[in-house]
Amino acid sequence: KPGESVVVQEYLMRPMLIGKRKFDIRAFCLVASVQPPVVLIHEGMYLRRACEPFATGDLERRFPHLTNICVQKHHPRFGEDNVWDLA
């Protein structure tokens, strides 16, 4: 319908977890050339973890399922152990 927002994707019901929580890794690189291959990798990588343990029972709750800082910063425990510096 016009004006209605939807997201279409397949949800992983058995994701990799760290300490029972979902996570993602942010790594940055620049492909400067394909021929010859030149890839510059930034050392500043980090890992983001969800504030709540993962569970498939309630998919409406965002905290166990999304690792976005924009979502997690509203959780009461945000900042305790959510972002790990991997550099």
C-alpha atoms as a PDB file:
ATOM      1  CA  LYS A   1       0.000   0.000   0.000  1.00  0.00           C
ATOM      2  CA  PRO A   2       1.244   3.553  -0.599  1.00  0.00           C
ATOM      3  CA  GLY A   3       2.983   4.997   2.446  1.00  0.00           C
ATOM      4  CA  GLU A   4       3.450   1.597   4.097  1.00  0.00           C
ATOM      5  CA  SER A   5       7.009   0.481   4.906  1.00  0.00           C
ATOM      6  CA  VAL A   6       8.111  -3.134   4.774  1.00  0.00           C
ATOM      7  CA  VAL A   7      11.379  -5.043   5.014  1.00  0.00           C
ATOM      8  CA  VAL A   8      11.766  -8.290   3.121  1.00  0.00           C
ATOM      9  CA  GLN A   9      14.579 -10.599   4.181  1.00  0.00           C
ATOM     10  CA  GLU A  10      15.180 -14.086   5.446  1.00  0.00           C
ATOM     11  CA  TYR A  11      15.663 -14.223   9.196  1.00  0.00           C
ATOM     12  CA  LEU A  12      18.308 -16.584  10.579  1.00  0.00           C
ATOM     13  CA  MET A  13      16.705 -18.596  13.362  1.00  0.00           C
ATOM     14  CA  ARG A  14      20.064 -20.069  14.454  1.00  0.00           C
ATOM     15  CA  PRO A  15      22.587 -17.191  14.233  1.00  0.00           C
ATOM     16  CA  MET A  16      26.116 -17.291  15.615  1.00  0.00           C
ATOM     17  CA  LEU A  17      26.119 -15.949  19.166  1.00  0.00           C
ATOM     18  CA  ILE A  18      28.658 -14.639  21.649  1.00  0.00           C
ATOM     19  CA  GLY A  19      27.555 -15.124  25.241  1.00  0.00           C
ATOM     20  CA  LYS A  20      24.030 -16.010  24.004  1.00  0.00           C
ATOM     21  CA  ARG A  21      23.762 -12.633  22.234  1.00  0.00           C
ATOM     22  CA  LYS A  22      23.653 -11.728  18.539  1.00  0.00           C
ATOM     23  CA  PHE A  23      26.537  -9.688  17.189  1.00  0.00           C
ATOM     24  CA  ASP A  24      27.952  -8.099  14.083  1.00  0.00           C
ATOM     25  CA  ILE A  25      31.475  -7.097  13.139  1.00  0.00           C
ATOM     26  CA  ARG A  26      32.261  -3.781  11.477  1.00  0.00           C
ATOM     27  CA  ALA A  27      35.369  -3.906   9.327  1.00  0.00           C
ATOM     28  CA  PHE A  28      36.315  -1.275   6.779  1.00  0.00           C
ATOM     29  CA  CYS A  29      38.320  -1.677   3.589  1.00  0.00           C
ATOM     30  CA  LEU A  30      38.840   0.172   0.333  1.00  0.00           C
ATOM     31  CA  VAL A  31      39.232  -1.654  -2.967  1.00  0.00           C
ATOM     32  CA  ALA A  32      41.518   0.840  -4.692  1.00  0.00           C
ATOM     33  CA  SER A  33      42.106  -1.279  -7.788  1.00  0.00           C
ATOM     34  CA  VAL A  34      40.916  -4.570  -9.226  1.00  0.00           C
ATOM     35  CA  GLN A  35      43.726  -5.011 -11.766  1.00  0.00           C
ATOM     36  CA  PRO A  36      46.218  -5.160 -10.143  1.00  0.00           C
ATOM     37  CA  PRO A  37      44.346  -5.932  -6.923  1.00  0.00           C
ATOM     38  CA  VAL A  38      44.915  -3.257  -4.288  1.00  0.00           C
ATOM     39  CA  VAL A  39      42.891  -3.463  -1.066  1.00  0.00           C
ATOM     40  CA  LEU A  40      43.484  -1.150   1.868  1.00  0.00           C
ATOM     41  CA  ILE A  41      42.215  -2.459   5.209  1.00  0.00           C
ATOM     42  CA  HIS A  42      41.494  -0.092   8.089  1.00  0.00           C
ATOM     43  CA  GLU A  43      42.689  -1.463  11.434  1.00  0.00           C
ATOM     44  CA  GLY A  44      39.797   0.060  13.390  1.00  0.00           C
ATOM     45  CA  MET A  45      37.380  -2.876  13.503  1.00  0.00           C
ATOM     46  CA  TYR A  46      34.755  -3.342  16.178  1.00  0.00           C
ATOM     47  CA  LEU A  47      32.100  -5.819  17.256  1.00  0.00           C
ATOM     48  CA  ARG A  48      28.580  -4.863  18.380  1.00  0.00           C
ATOM     49  CA  ARG A  49      26.503  -7.135  20.644  1.00  0.00           C
ATOM     50  CA  ALA A  50      22.805  -7.042  21.453  1.00  0.00           C
ATOM     51  CA  CYS A  51      21.877  -6.028  25.015  1.00  0.00           C
ATOM     52  CA  GLU A  52      19.620  -9.048  25.581  1.00  0.00           C
ATOM     53  CA  PRO A  53      20.142 -12.787  24.990  1.00  0.00           C
ATOM     54  CA  PHE A  54      18.817 -14.116  21.694  1.00  0.00           C
ATOM     55  CA  ALA A  55      15.490 -15.964  21.735  1.00  0.00           C
ATOM     56  CA  THR A  56      13.134 -16.802  18.890  1.00  0.00           C
ATOM     57  CA  GLY A  57       9.966 -16.606  21.011  1.00  0.00           C
ATOM     58  CA  ASP A  58       9.239 -12.895  20.567  1.00  0.00           C
ATOM     59  CA  LEU A  59      10.315 -11.463  17.224  1.00  0.00           C
ATOM     60  CA  GLU A  60       8.610  -8.130  17.974  1.00  0.00           C
ATOM     61  CA  ARG A  61      11.203  -7.238  20.631  1.00  0.00           C
ATOM     62  CA  ARG A  62      14.098  -5.403  18.975  1.00  0.00           C
ATOM     63  CA  PHE A  63      16.817  -5.671  21.641  1.00  0.00           C
ATOM     64  CA  PRO A  64      17.622  -9.410  21.252  1.00  0.00           C
ATOM     65  CA  HIS A  65      17.475  -9.275  17.450  1.00  0.00           C
ATOM     66  CA  LEU A  66      19.062  -6.008  16.241  1.00  0.00           C
ATOM     67  CA  THR A  67      22.628  -4.950  17.031  1.00  0.00           C
ATOM     68  CA  ASN A  68      22.254  -1.390  15.708  1.00  0.00           C
ATOM     69  CA  ILE A  69      23.509   1.240  18.135  1.00  0.00           C
ATOM     70  CA  CYS A  70      20.424   3.334  17.259  1.00  0.00           C
ATOM     71  CA  VAL A  71      18.246   0.556  18.715  1.00  0.00           C
ATOM     72  CA  GLN A  72      20.497  -0.647  21.537  1.00  0.00           C
ATOM     73  CA  LYS A  73      21.176   2.816  23.020  1.00  0.00           C
ATOM     74  CA  HIS A  74      17.600   2.847  24.383  1.00  0.00           C
ATOM     75  CA  HIS A  75      18.183  -0.290  26.478  1.00  0.00           C
ATOM     76  CA  PRO A  76      18.884   0.315  30.203  1.00  0.00           C
ATOM     77  CA  ARG A  77      22.083  -1.787  30.055  1.00  0.00           C
ATOM     78  CA  PHE A  78      23.488  -0.158  26.923  1.00  0.00           C
ATOM     79  CA  GLY A  79      27.191   0.605  27.224  1.00  0.00           C
ATOM     80  CA  GLU A  80      28.039  -2.131  29.722  1.00  0.00           C
ATOM     81  CA  ASP A  81      29.436  -4.615  27.229  1.00  0.00           C
ATOM     82  CA  ASN A  82      27.988  -3.848  23.816  1.00  0.00           C
ATOM     83  CA  VAL A  83      30.864  -2.575  21.685  1.00  0.00           C
ATOM     84  CA  TRP A  84      34.234  -4.341  21.599  1.00  0.00           C
ATOM     85  CA  ASP A  85      37.246  -2.738  19.955  1.00  0.00           C
ATOM     86  CA  LEU A  86      38.985  -5.342  17.753  1.00  0.00           C
ATOM     87  CA  ALA A  87      41.980  -3.222  16.721  1.00  0.00           C
END
